[in-house]
Amino acid sequence: MGLLFSRTSRSAMANPEIQNFIKNAVSQDKVVVFSKTYCPYCKLAKDIFQKINQPMKVIELDEREDGNSIQDNLASITGFRTVPQVFINGNCVGGGSDVQALHKAGKLEPMLIG
């Protein structure tokens, strides 16, 4: 499982406790979506996984006190701060539009096998 920890897009200090939470979350479930309840791109990604009957762990950042810190630390891992941030098998595959493009191209389901 190759999480990418190379780019930092914000000057916020990385929080080892939060980074461990993220690493543990993305390693325990095949699909993890860091989301916000009101975000249309988050809904898009979640709807696609529901449509193909793929179980997912959804972490709604706007419902957590540490949501902003998680989002800042995701930015240090993935290089972008926007949501959703979708992980499959521990690897970030991007956001809602990226999941939609993978699905339309027939590449999403093969990523979920195994």
PDB file of N, CA and C in Angstrom:
ATOM      1  N   MET A   1       0.837  -1.171   0.000  1.00  0.00           N
ATOM      2  CA  MET A   1       0.000   0.000   0.000  1.00  0.00           C
ATOM      3  C   MET A   1       0.880   1.231   0.000  1.00  0.00           C
ATOM      4  N   GLY A   2       0.904   1.949  -1.083  1.00  0.00           N
ATOM      5  CA  GLY A   2       1.818   3.062  -1.210  1.00  0.00           C
ATOM      6  C   GLY A   2       1.162   4.409  -1.034  1.00  0.00           C
ATOM      7  N   LEU A   3       1.057   4.868   0.198  1.00  0.00           N
ATOM      8  CA  LEU A   3       0.580   6.225   0.408  1.00  0.00           C
ATOM      9  C   LEU A   3       1.667   7.189  -0.029  1.00  0.00           C
ATOM     10  N   LEU A   4       1.268   8.270  -0.598  1.00  0.00           N
ATOM     11  CA  LEU A   4       2.215   9.249  -1.097  1.00  0.00           C
ATOM     12  C   LEU A   4       2.412  10.327  -0.040  1.00  0.00           C
ATOM     13  N   PHE A   5       3.610  10.445   0.488  1.00  0.00           N
ATOM     14  CA  PHE A   5       3.924  11.443   1.507  1.00  0.00           C
ATOM     15  C   PHE A   5       5.026  12.365   1.020  1.00  0.00           C
ATOM     16  N   SER A   6       4.899  12.882  -0.195  1.00  0.00           N
ATOM     17  CA  SER A   6       6.008  13.673  -0.712  1.00  0.00           C
ATOM     18  C   SER A   6       5.723  15.155  -0.817  1.00  0.00           C
ATOM     19  N   ARG A   7       4.510  15.535  -1.182  1.00  0.00           N
ATOM     20  CA  ARG A   7       4.229  16.945  -1.415  1.00  0.00           C
ATOM     21  C   ARG A   7       3.448  17.544  -0.256  1.00  0.00           C
ATOM     22  N   THR A   8       3.732  18.782   0.056  1.00  0.00           N
ATOM     23  CA  THR A   8       2.978  19.513   1.051  1.00  0.00           C
ATOM     24  C   THR A   8       2.461  20.774   0.398  1.00  0.00           C
ATOM     25  N   SER A   9       1.143  20.916   0.350  1.00  0.00           N
ATOM     26  CA  SER A   9       0.564  22.080  -0.307  1.00  0.00           C
ATOM     27  C   SER A   9       0.216  23.183   0.678  1.00  0.00           C
ATOM     28  N   ARG A  10       0.362  22.932   1.959  1.00  0.00           N
ATOM     29  CA  ARG A  10       0.080  23.950   2.964  1.00  0.00           C
ATOM     30  C   ARG A  10       1.234  23.994   3.945  1.00  0.00           C
ATOM     31  N   SER A  11       1.361  25.114   4.609  1.00  0.00           N
ATOM     32  CA  SER A  11       2.452  25.253   5.562  1.00  0.00           C
ATOM     33  C   SER A  11       2.098  24.670   6.921  1.00  0.00           C
ATOM     34  N   ALA A  12       0.887  24.172   7.084  1.00  0.00           N
ATOM     35  CA  ALA A  12       0.473  23.599   8.360  1.00  0.00           C
ATOM     36  C   ALA A  12       1.380  22.423   8.714  1.00  0.00           C
ATOM     37  N   MET A  13       1.699  22.353   9.985  1.00  0.00           N
ATOM     38  CA  MET A  13       2.543  21.257  10.456  1.00  0.00           C
ATOM     39  C   MET A  13       1.764  19.952  10.376  1.00  0.00           C
ATOM     40  N   ALA A  14       2.439  18.922   9.923  1.00  0.00           N
ATOM     41  CA  ALA A  14       1.811  17.602   9.883  1.00  0.00           C
ATOM     42  C   ALA A  14       1.639  17.111  11.318  1.00  0.00           C
ATOM     43  N   ASN A  15       0.524  16.507  11.588  1.00  0.00           N
ATOM     44  CA  ASN A  15       0.217  15.986  12.907  1.00  0.00           C
ATOM     45  C   ASN A  15       0.357  14.471  12.854  1.00  0.00           C
ATOM     46  N   PRO A  16       1.374  13.913  13.526  1.00  0.00           N
ATOM     47  CA  PRO A  16       1.594  12.461  13.448  1.00  0.00           C
ATOM     48  C   PRO A  16       0.380  11.637  13.894  1.00  0.00           C
ATOM     49  N   GLU A  17      -0.346  12.106  14.905  1.00  0.00           N
ATOM     50  CA  GLU A  17      -1.524  11.383  15.384  1.00  0.00           C
ATOM     51  C   GLU A  17      -2.605  11.336  14.308  1.00  0.00           C
ATOM     52  N   ILE A  18      -2.842  12.466  13.663  1.00  0.00           N
ATOM     53  CA  ILE A  18      -3.847  12.525  12.597  1.00  0.00           C
ATOM     54  C   ILE A  18      -3.368  11.716  11.391  1.00  0.00           C
ATOM     55  N   GLN A  19      -2.083  11.807  11.059  1.00  0.00           N
ATOM     56  CA  GLN A  19      -1.566  11.034   9.923  1.00  0.00           C
ATOM     57  C   GLN A  19      -1.697   9.534  10.187  1.00  0.00           C
ATOM     58  N   ASN A  20      -1.487   9.117  11.426  1.00  0.00           N
ATOM     59  CA  ASN A  20      -1.689   7.701  11.767  1.00  0.00           C
ATOM     60  C   ASN A  20      -3.148   7.313  11.633  1.00  0.00           C
ATOM     61  N   PHE A  21      -4.066   8.216  12.038  1.00  0.00           N
ATOM     62  CA  PHE A  21      -5.497   7.955  11.864  1.00  0.00           C
ATOM     63  C   PHE A  21      -5.815   7.733  10.388  1.00  0.00           C
ATOM     64  N   ILE A  22      -5.284   8.613   9.527  1.00  0.00           N
ATOM     65  CA  ILE A  22      -5.527   8.505   8.078  1.00  0.00           C
ATOM     66  C   ILE A  22      -4.956   7.195   7.544  1.00  0.00           C
ATOM     67  N   LYS A  23      -3.705   6.903   7.894  1.00  0.00           N
ATOM     68  CA  LYS A  23      -3.066   5.667   7.409  1.00  0.00           C
ATOM     69  C   LYS A  23      -3.850   4.436   7.846  1.00  0.00           C
ATOM     70  N   ASN A  24      -4.277   4.433   9.108  1.00  0.00           N
ATOM     71  CA  ASN A  24      -5.049   3.291   9.607  1.00  0.00           C
ATOM     72  C   ASN A  24      -6.384   3.187   8.887  1.00  0.00           C
ATOM     73  N   ALA A  25      -7.053   4.318   8.697  1.00  0.00           N
ATOM     74  CA  ALA A  25      -8.363   4.302   8.033  1.00  0.00           C
ATOM     75  C   ALA A  25      -8.254   3.738   6.622  1.00  0.00           C
ATOM     76  N   VAL A  26      -7.278   4.203   5.855  1.00  0.00           N
ATOM     77  CA  VAL A  26      -7.196   3.768   4.454  1.00  0.00           C
ATOM     78  C   VAL A  26      -6.638   2.361   4.313  1.00  0.00           C
ATOM     79  N   SER A  27      -6.027   1.836   5.374  1.00  0.00           N
ATOM     80  CA  SER A  27      -5.511   0.466   5.284  1.00  0.00           C
ATOM     81  C   SER A  27      -6.539  -0.559   5.746  1.00  0.00           C
ATOM     82  N   GLN A  28      -7.584  -0.137   6.462  1.00  0.00           N
ATOM     83  CA  GLN A  28      -8.549  -1.081   7.021  1.00  0.00           C
ATOM     84  C   GLN A  28      -9.723  -1.366   6.095  1.00  0.00           C
ATOM     85  N   ASP A  29      -9.968  -0.506   5.139  1.00  0.00           N
ATOM     86  CA  ASP A  29     -11.100  -0.695   4.240  1.00  0.00           C
ATOM     87  C   ASP A  29     -10.631  -0.551   2.797  1.00  0.00           C
ATOM     88  N   LYS A  30     -11.250  -1.311   1.900  1.00  0.00           N
ATOM     89  CA  LYS A  30     -10.878  -1.249   0.483  1.00  0.00           C
ATOM     90  C   LYS A  30     -11.115   0.136  -0.090  1.00  0.00           C
ATOM     91  N   VAL A  31     -12.260   0.758   0.255  1.00  0.00           N
ATOM     92  CA  VAL A  31     -12.596   2.094  -0.235  1.00  0.00           C
ATOM     93  C   VAL A  31     -12.860   3.003   0.957  1.00  0.00           C
ATOM     94  N   VAL A  32     -12.152   4.124   0.998  1.00  0.00           N
ATOM     95  CA  VAL A  32     -12.354   5.133   2.034  1.00  0.00           C
ATOM     96  C   VAL A  32     -12.556   6.471   1.340  1.00  0.00           C
ATOM     97  N   VAL A  33     -13.619   7.167   1.747  1.00  0.00           N
ATOM     98  CA  VAL A  33     -13.936   8.466   1.175  1.00  0.00           C
ATOM     99  C   VAL A  33     -13.913   9.508   2.284  1.00  0.00           C
ATOM    100  N   PHE A  34     -12.968  10.442   2.203  1.00  0.00           N
ATOM    101  CA  PHE A  34     -12.959  11.594   3.097  1.00  0.00           C
ATOM    102  C   PHE A  34     -13.851  12.625   2.429  1.00  0.00           C
ATOM    103  N   SER A  35     -14.918  13.012   3.113  1.00  0.00           N
ATOM    104  CA  SER A  35     -16.030  13.704   2.493  1.00  0.00           C
ATOM    105  C   SER A  35     -16.524  14.844   3.376  1.00  0.00           C
ATOM    106  N   LYS A  36     -17.403  15.651   2.816  1.00  0.00           N
ATOM    107  CA  LYS A  36     -18.204  16.604   3.582  1.00  0.00           C
ATOM    108  C   LYS A  36     -19.653  16.398   3.152  1.00  0.00           C
ATOM    109  N   THR A  37     -20.555  16.434   4.108  1.00  0.00           N
ATOM    110  CA  THR A  37     -21.940  16.053   3.855  1.00  0.00           C
ATOM    111  C   THR A  37     -22.615  16.909   2.790  1.00  0.00           C
ATOM    112  N   TYR A  38     -22.219  18.160   2.652  1.00  0.00           N
ATOM    113  CA  TYR A  38     -22.895  19.089   1.733  1.00  0.00           C
ATOM    114  C   TYR A  38     -22.220  19.196   0.363  1.00  0.00           C
ATOM    115  N   CYS A  39     -21.137  18.472   0.156  1.00  0.00           N
ATOM    116  CA  CYS A  39     -20.333  18.617  -1.062  1.00  0.00           C
ATOM    117  C   CYS A  39     -20.910  17.792  -2.212  1.00  0.00           C
ATOM    118  N   PRO A  40     -21.241  18.428  -3.345  1.00  0.00           N
ATOM    119  CA  PRO A  40     -21.807  17.670  -4.472  1.00  0.00           C
ATOM    120  C   PRO A  40     -20.817  16.679  -5.098  1.00  0.00           C
ATOM    121  N   TYR A  41     -19.526  16.984  -5.083  1.00  0.00           N
ATOM    122  CA  TYR A  41     -18.542  16.050  -5.636  1.00  0.00           C
ATOM    123  C   TYR A  41     -18.380  14.834  -4.722  1.00  0.00           C
ATOM    124  N   CYS A  42     -18.522  15.064  -3.419  1.00  0.00           N
ATOM    125  CA  CYS A  42     -18.498  13.942  -2.473  1.00  0.00           C
ATOM    126  C   CYS A  42     -19.694  13.029  -2.722  1.00  0.00           C
ATOM    127  N   LYS A  43     -20.863  13.637  -2.916  1.00  0.00           N
ATOM    128  CA  LYS A  43     -22.076  12.862  -3.206  1.00  0.00           C
ATOM    129  C   LYS A  43     -21.897  12.063  -4.491  1.00  0.00           C
ATOM    130  N   LEU A  44     -21.292  12.679  -5.495  1.00  0.00           N
ATOM    131  CA  LEU A  44     -21.038  12.002  -6.766  1.00  0.00           C
ATOM    132  C   LEU A  44     -20.214  10.734  -6.542  1.00  0.00           C
ATOM    133  N   ALA A  45     -19.111  10.859  -5.821  1.00  0.00           N
ATOM    134  CA  ALA A  45     -18.246   9.704  -5.574  1.00  0.00           C
ATOM    135  C   ALA A  45     -18.991   8.628  -4.788  1.00  0.00           C
ATOM    136  N   LYS A  46     -19.671   9.020  -3.716  1.00  0.00           N
ATOM    137  CA  LYS A  46     -20.385   8.045  -2.891  1.00  0.00           C
ATOM    138  C   LYS A  46     -21.500   7.365  -3.685  1.00  0.00           C
ATOM    139  N   ASP A  47     -22.198   8.123  -4.504  1.00  0.00           N
ATOM    140  CA  ASP A  47     -23.274   7.546  -5.330  1.00  0.00           C
ATOM    141  C   ASP A  47     -22.744   6.493  -6.301  1.00  0.00           C
ATOM    142  N   ILE A  48     -21.571   6.736  -6.883  1.00  0.00           N
ATOM    143  CA  ILE A  48     -20.991   5.764  -7.823  1.00  0.00           C
ATOM    144  C   ILE A  48     -20.679   4.457  -7.099  1.00  0.00           C
ATOM    145  N   PHE A  49     -20.064   4.546  -5.924  1.00  0.00           N
ATOM    146  CA  PHE A  49     -19.752   3.319  -5.179  1.00  0.00           C
ATOM    147  C   PHE A  49     -21.030   2.596  -4.754  1.00  0.00           C
ATOM    148  N   GLN A  50     -22.072   3.342  -4.379  1.00  0.00           N
ATOM    149  CA  GLN A  50     -23.344   2.710  -4.025  1.00  0.00           C
ATOM    150  C   GLN A  50     -23.967   2.036  -5.247  1.00  0.00           C
ATOM    151  N   LYS A  51     -23.879   2.697  -6.402  1.00  0.00           N
ATOM    152  CA  LYS A  51     -24.455   2.155  -7.641  1.00  0.00           C
ATOM    153  C   LYS A  51     -23.832   0.811  -8.009  1.00  0.00           C
ATOM    154  N   ILE A  52     -22.528   0.662  -7.763  1.00  0.00           N
ATOM    155  CA  ILE A  52     -21.857  -0.592  -8.111  1.00  0.00           C
ATOM    156  C   ILE A  52     -21.785  -1.549  -6.909  1.00  0.00           C
ATOM    157  N   ASN A  53     -22.541  -1.202  -5.852  1.00  0.00           N
ATOM    158  CA  ASN A  53     -22.613  -2.038  -4.644  1.00  0.00           C
ATOM    159  C   ASN A  53     -21.254  -2.278  -4.000  1.00  0.00           C
ATOM    160  N   GLN A  54     -20.429  -1.245  -3.972  1.00  0.00           N
ATOM    161  CA  GLN A  54     -19.113  -1.340  -3.339  1.00  0.00           C
ATOM    162  C   GLN A  54     -19.187  -0.732  -1.938  1.00  0.00           C
ATOM    163  N   PRO A  55     -18.993  -1.558  -0.906  1.00  0.00           N
ATOM    164  CA  PRO A  55     -18.953  -0.999   0.443  1.00  0.00           C
ATOM    165  C   PRO A  55     -17.814   0.014   0.569  1.00  0.00           C
ATOM    166  N   MET A  56     -18.040   1.038   1.371  1.00  0.00           N
ATOM    167  CA  MET A  56     -17.013   2.061   1.568  1.00  0.00           C
ATOM    168  C   MET A  56     -17.107   2.588   2.985  1.00  0.00           C
ATOM    169  N   LYS A  57     -15.978   3.047   3.471  1.00  0.00           N
ATOM    170  CA  LYS A  57     -15.958   3.769   4.744  1.00  0.00           C
ATOM    171  C   LYS A  57     -15.972   5.243   4.381  1.00  0.00           C
ATOM    172  N   VAL A  58     -16.936   5.978   4.928  1.00  0.00           N
ATOM    173  CA  VAL A  58     -17.054   7.408   4.660  1.00  0.00           C
ATOM    174  C   VAL A  58     -16.728   8.152   5.944  1.00  0.00           C
ATOM    175  N   ILE A  59     -15.791   9.073   5.847  1.00  0.00           N
ATOM    176  CA  ILE A  59     -15.421   9.913   6.981  1.00  0.00           C
ATOM    177  C   ILE A  59     -15.854  11.333   6.631  1.00  0.00           C
ATOM    178  N   GLU A  60     -16.937  11.778   7.281  1.00  0.00           N
ATOM    179  CA  GLU A  60     -17.504  13.098   7.009  1.00  0.00           C
ATOM    180  C   GLU A  60     -16.761  14.135   7.852  1.00  0.00           C
ATOM    181  N   LEU A  61     -15.889  14.883   7.199  1.00  0.00           N
ATOM    182  CA  LEU A  61     -15.013  15.812   7.908  1.00  0.00           C
ATOM    183  C   LEU A  61     -15.780  16.934   8.592  1.00  0.00           C
ATOM    184  N   ASP A  62     -16.913  17.339   8.027  1.00  0.00           N
ATOM    185  CA  ASP A  62     -17.675  18.432   8.627  1.00  0.00           C
ATOM    186  C   ASP A  62     -18.475  17.977   9.855  1.00  0.00           C
ATOM    187  N   GLU A  63     -18.445  16.702  10.166  1.00  0.00           N
ATOM    188  CA  GLU A  63     -19.130  16.188  11.349  1.00  0.00           C
ATOM    189  C   GLU A  63     -18.149  15.819  12.463  1.00  0.00           C
ATOM    190  N   ARG A  64     -16.875  16.150  12.263  1.00  0.00           N
ATOM    191  CA  ARG A  64     -15.834  15.800  13.230  1.00  0.00           C
ATOM    192  C   ARG A  64     -15.147  17.064  13.728  1.00  0.00           C
ATOM    193  N   GLU A  65     -14.831  17.097  15.020  1.00  0.00           N
ATOM    194  CA  GLU A  65     -14.108  18.246  15.567  1.00  0.00           C
ATOM    195  C   GLU A  65     -12.712  18.365  14.962  1.00  0.00           C
ATOM    196  N   ASP A  66     -12.103  17.240  14.600  1.00  0.00           N
ATOM    197  CA  ASP A  66     -10.760  17.260  14.027  1.00  0.00           C
ATOM    198  C   ASP A  66     -10.794  17.242  12.493  1.00  0.00           C
ATOM    199  N   GLY A  67     -11.956  17.536  11.911  1.00  0.00           N
ATOM    200  CA  GLY A  67     -12.106  17.486  10.454  1.00  0.00           C
ATOM    201  C   GLY A  67     -11.151  18.395   9.708  1.00  0.00           C
ATOM    202  N   ASN A  68     -10.966  19.627  10.178  1.00  0.00           N
ATOM    203  CA  ASN A  68     -10.035  20.540   9.500  1.00  0.00           C
ATOM    204  C   ASN A  68      -8.610  20.041   9.582  1.00  0.00           C
ATOM    205  N   SER A  69      -8.237  19.491  10.729  1.00  0.00           N
ATOM    206  CA  SER A  69      -6.888  18.943  10.886  1.00  0.00           C
ATOM    207  C   SER A  69      -6.687  17.734   9.972  1.00  0.00           C
ATOM    208  N   ILE A  70      -7.712  16.891   9.870  1.00  0.00           N
ATOM    209  CA  ILE A  70      -7.625  15.744   8.956  1.00  0.00           C
ATOM    210  C   ILE A  70      -7.450  16.251   7.525  1.00  0.00           C
ATOM    211  N   GLN A  71      -8.223  17.260   7.160  1.00  0.00           N
ATOM    212  CA  GLN A  71      -8.136  17.795   5.793  1.00  0.00           C
ATOM    213  C   GLN A  71      -6.760  18.403   5.534  1.00  0.00           C
ATOM    214  N   ASP A  72      -6.201  19.129   6.507  1.00  0.00           N
ATOM    215  CA  ASP A  72      -4.852  19.689   6.355  1.00  0.00           C
ATOM    216  C   ASP A  72      -3.815  18.582   6.183  1.00  0.00           C
ATOM    217  N   ASN A  73      -3.949  17.517   6.975  1.00  0.00           N
ATOM    218  CA  ASN A  73      -2.991  16.419   6.887  1.00  0.00           C
ATOM    219  C   ASN A  73      -3.165  15.606   5.612  1.00  0.00           C
ATOM    220  N   LEU A  74      -4.396  15.478   5.124  1.00  0.00           N
ATOM    221  CA  LEU A  74      -4.604  14.842   3.821  1.00  0.00           C
ATOM    222  C   LEU A  74      -3.860  15.627   2.739  1.00  0.00           C
ATOM    223  N   ALA A  75      -3.901  16.957   2.842  1.00  0.00           N
ATOM    224  CA  ALA A  75      -3.199  17.783   1.855  1.00  0.00           C
ATOM    225  C   ALA A  75      -1.708  17.500   1.864  1.00  0.00           C
ATOM    226  N   SER A  76      -1.139  17.262   3.041  1.00  0.00           N
ATOM    227  CA  SER A  76       0.293  16.967   3.097  1.00  0.00           C
ATOM    228  C   SER A  76       0.608  15.592   2.529  1.00  0.00           C
ATOM    229  N   ILE A  77      -0.386  14.703   2.517  1.00  0.00           N
ATOM    230  CA  ILE A  77      -0.199  13.351   1.981  1.00  0.00           C
ATOM    231  C   ILE A  77      -0.432  13.317   0.472  1.00  0.00           C
ATOM    232  N   THR A  78      -1.539  13.918   0.035  1.00  0.00           N
ATOM    233  CA  THR A  78      -1.957  13.773  -1.360  1.00  0.00           C
ATOM    234  C   THR A  78      -1.578  14.948  -2.246  1.00  0.00           C
ATOM    235  N   GLY A  79      -1.300  16.103  -1.631  1.00  0.00           N
ATOM    236  CA  GLY A  79      -0.952  17.280  -2.418  1.00  0.00           C
ATOM    237  C   GLY A  79      -2.149  18.143  -2.777  1.00  0.00           C
ATOM    238  N   PHE A  80      -3.351  17.757  -2.345  1.00  0.00           N
ATOM    239  CA  PHE A  80      -4.518  18.607  -2.571  1.00  0.00           C
ATOM    240  C   PHE A  80      -5.416  18.577  -1.347  1.00  0.00           C
ATOM    241  N   ARG A  81      -6.126  19.676  -1.121  1.00  0.00           N
ATOM    242  CA  ARG A  81      -6.921  19.823   0.092  1.00  0.00           C
ATOM    243  C   ARG A  81      -8.421  19.642  -0.151  1.00  0.00           C
ATOM    244  N   THR A  82      -8.829  19.610  -1.411  1.00  0.00           N
ATOM    245  CA  THR A  82     -10.255  19.520  -1.712  1.00  0.00           C
ATOM    246  C   THR A  82     -10.820  18.157  -1.330  1.00  0.00           C
ATOM    247  N   VAL A  83     -12.137  18.113  -1.175  1.00  0.00           N
ATOM    248  CA  VAL A  83     -12.834  16.862  -0.928  1.00  0.00           C
ATOM    249  C   VAL A  83     -13.789  16.607  -2.080  1.00  0.00           C
ATOM    250  N   PRO A  84     -14.096  15.348  -2.330  1.00  0.00           N
ATOM    251  CA  PRO A  84     -13.660  14.189  -1.570  1.00  0.00           C
ATOM    252  C   PRO A  84     -12.223  13.810  -1.913  1.00  0.00           C
ATOM    253  N   GLN A  85     -11.647  13.057  -1.007  1.00  0.00           N
ATOM    254  CA  GLN A  85     -10.397  12.374  -1.289  1.00  0.00           C
ATOM    255  C   GLN A  85     -10.721  10.895  -1.142  1.00  0.00           C
ATOM    256  N   VAL A  86     -10.596  10.189  -2.261  1.00  0.00           N
ATOM    257  CA  VAL A  86     -11.012   8.792  -2.331  1.00  0.00           C
ATOM    258  C   VAL A  86      -9.774   7.905  -2.384  1.00  0.00           C
ATOM    259  N   PHE A  87      -9.745   6.939  -1.473  1.00  0.00           N
ATOM    260  CA  PHE A  87      -8.654   5.970  -1.425  1.00  0.00           C
ATOM    261  C   PHE A  87      -9.205   4.593  -1.760  1.00  0.00           C
ATOM    262  N   ILE A  88      -8.494   3.899  -2.640  1.00  0.00           N
ATOM    263  CA  ILE A  88      -8.808   2.507  -2.961  1.00  0.00           C
ATOM    264  C   ILE A  88      -7.551   1.695  -2.687  1.00  0.00           C
ATOM    265  N   ASN A  89      -7.701   0.669  -1.871  1.00  0.00           N
ATOM    266  CA  ASN A  89      -6.564  -0.177  -1.489  1.00  0.00           C
ATOM    267  C   ASN A  89      -5.389   0.655  -0.979  1.00  0.00           C
ATOM    268  N   GLY A  90      -5.698   1.704  -0.200  1.00  0.00           N
ATOM    269  CA  GLY A  90      -4.653   2.514   0.421  1.00  0.00           C
ATOM    270  C   GLY A  90      -4.063   3.587  -0.445  1.00  0.00           C
ATOM    271  N   ASN A  91      -4.481   3.686  -1.689  1.00  0.00           N
ATOM    272  CA  ASN A  91      -3.930   4.682  -2.608  1.00  0.00           C
ATOM    273  C   ASN A  91      -4.983   5.712  -2.969  1.00  0.00           C
ATOM    274  N   CYS A  92      -4.606   6.967  -2.959  1.00  0.00           N
ATOM    275  CA  CYS A  92      -5.538   8.027  -3.333  1.00  0.00           C
ATOM    276  C   CYS A  92      -5.731   8.009  -4.843  1.00  0.00           C
ATOM    277  N   VAL A  93      -7.001   7.928  -5.256  1.00  0.00           N
ATOM    278  CA  VAL A  93      -7.314   7.929  -6.689  1.00  0.00           C
ATOM    279  C   VAL A  93      -7.886   9.266  -7.129  1.00  0.00           C
ATOM    280  N   GLY A  94      -8.004  10.214  -6.196  1.00  0.00           N
ATOM    281  CA  GLY A  94      -8.485  11.550  -6.533  1.00  0.00           C
ATOM    282  C   GLY A  94      -9.806  11.863  -5.880  1.00  0.00           C
ATOM    283  N   GLY A  95     -10.598  12.684  -6.591  1.00  0.00           N
ATOM    284  CA  GLY A  95     -11.863  13.153  -6.059  1.00  0.00           C
ATOM    285  C   GLY A  95     -13.053  12.613  -6.822  1.00  0.00           C
ATOM    286  N   GLY A  96     -14.175  13.316  -6.716  1.00  0.00           N
ATOM    287  CA  GLY A  96     -15.422  12.865  -7.325  1.00  0.00           C
ATOM    288  C   GLY A  96     -15.355  12.737  -8.829  1.00  0.00           C
ATOM    289  N   SER A  97     -14.800  13.750  -9.490  1.00  0.00           N
ATOM    290  CA  SER A  97     -14.683  13.700 -10.950  1.00  0.00           C
ATOM    291  C   SER A  97     -13.747  12.583 -11.395  1.00  0.00           C
ATOM    292  N   ASP A  98     -12.702  12.345 -10.602  1.00  0.00           N
ATOM    293  CA  ASP A  98     -11.752  11.277 -10.932  1.00  0.00           C
ATOM    294  C   ASP A  98     -12.422   9.907 -10.828  1.00  0.00           C
ATOM    295  N   VAL A  99     -13.209   9.714  -9.767  1.00  0.00           N
ATOM    296  CA  VAL A  99     -13.936   8.447  -9.602  1.00  0.00           C
ATOM    297  C   VAL A  99     -14.922   8.269 -10.747  1.00  0.00           C
ATOM    298  N   GLN A 100     -15.612   9.345 -11.112  1.00  0.00           N
ATOM    299  CA  GLN A 100     -16.565   9.283 -12.222  1.00  0.00           C
ATOM    300  C   GLN A 100     -15.852   8.908 -13.522  1.00  0.00           C
ATOM    301  N   ALA A 101     -14.697   9.524 -13.785  1.00  0.00           N
ATOM    302  CA  ALA A 101     -13.949   9.225 -15.007  1.00  0.00           C
ATOM    303  C   ALA A 101     -13.466   7.774 -15.020  1.00  0.00           C
ATOM    304  N   LEU A 102     -12.975   7.286 -13.872  1.00  0.00           N
ATOM    305  CA  LEU A 102     -12.546   5.884 -13.789  1.00  0.00           C
ATOM    306  C   LEU A 102     -13.722   4.950 -14.057  1.00  0.00           C
ATOM    307  N   HIS A 103     -14.874   5.278 -13.498  1.00  0.00           N
ATOM    308  CA  HIS A 103     -16.063   4.447 -13.683  1.00  0.00           C
ATOM    309  C   HIS A 103     -16.495   4.438 -15.147  1.00  0.00           C
ATOM    310  N   LYS A 104     -16.565   5.617 -15.773  1.00  0.00           N
ATOM    311  CA  LYS A 104     -16.991   5.710 -17.173  1.00  0.00           C
ATOM    312  C   LYS A 104     -16.026   5.002 -18.112  1.00  0.00           C
ATOM    313  N   ALA A 105     -14.740   4.997 -17.746  1.00  0.00           N
ATOM    314  CA  ALA A 105     -13.731   4.338 -18.584  1.00  0.00           C
ATOM    315  C   ALA A 105     -13.633   2.835 -18.321  1.00  0.00           C
ATOM    316  N   GLY A 106     -14.436   2.339 -17.374  1.00  0.00           N
ATOM    317  CA  GLY A 106     -14.389   0.907 -17.057  1.00  0.00           C
ATOM    318  C   GLY A 106     -13.178   0.516 -16.238  1.00  0.00           C
ATOM    319  N   LYS A 107     -12.528   1.467 -15.602  1.00  0.00           N
ATOM    320  CA  LYS A 107     -11.306   1.179 -14.841  1.00  0.00           C
ATOM    321  C   LYS A 107     -11.539   1.085 -13.342  1.00  0.00           C
ATOM    322  N   LEU A 108     -12.698   1.537 -12.861  1.00  0.00           N
ATOM    323  CA  LEU A 108     -12.934   1.546 -11.416  1.00  0.00           C
ATOM    324  C   LEU A 108     -13.135   0.143 -10.860  1.00  0.00           C
ATOM    325  N   GLU A 109     -14.037  -0.618 -11.455  1.00  0.00           N
ATOM    326  CA  GLU A 109     -14.338  -1.958 -10.928  1.00  0.00           C
ATOM    327  C   GLU A 109     -13.103  -2.867 -10.889  1.00  0.00           C
ATOM    328  N   PRO A 110     -12.242  -2.864 -11.920  1.00  0.00           N
ATOM    329  CA  PRO A 110     -11.026  -3.701 -11.819  1.00  0.00           C
ATOM    330  C   PRO A 110     -10.135  -3.315 -10.644  1.00  0.00           C
ATOM    331  N   MET A 111     -10.141  -2.048 -10.238  1.00  0.00           N
ATOM    332  CA  MET A 111      -9.337  -1.612  -9.096  1.00  0.00           C
ATOM    333  C   MET A 111      -9.871  -2.195  -7.787  1.00  0.00           C
ATOM    334  N   LEU A 112     -11.126  -2.587  -7.785  1.00  0.00           N
ATOM    335  CA  LEU A 112     -11.784  -3.052  -6.557  1.00  0.00           C
ATOM    336  C   LEU A 112     -11.705  -4.549  -6.384  1.00  0.00           C
ATOM    337  N   ILE A 113     -11.205  -5.255  -7.362  1.00  0.00           N
ATOM    338  CA  ILE A 113     -11.108  -6.717  -7.318  1.00  0.00           C
ATOM    339  C   ILE A 113      -9.861  -7.103  -6.524  1.00  0.00           C
ATOM    340  N   GLY A 114     -10.034  -8.080  -5.660  1.00  0.00           N
ATOM    341  CA  GLY A 114      -8.884  -8.590  -4.922  1.00  0.00           C
ATOM    342  C   GLY A 114      -8.712  -8.029  -3.562  1.00  0.00           C
TER     343      GLY A 114
END
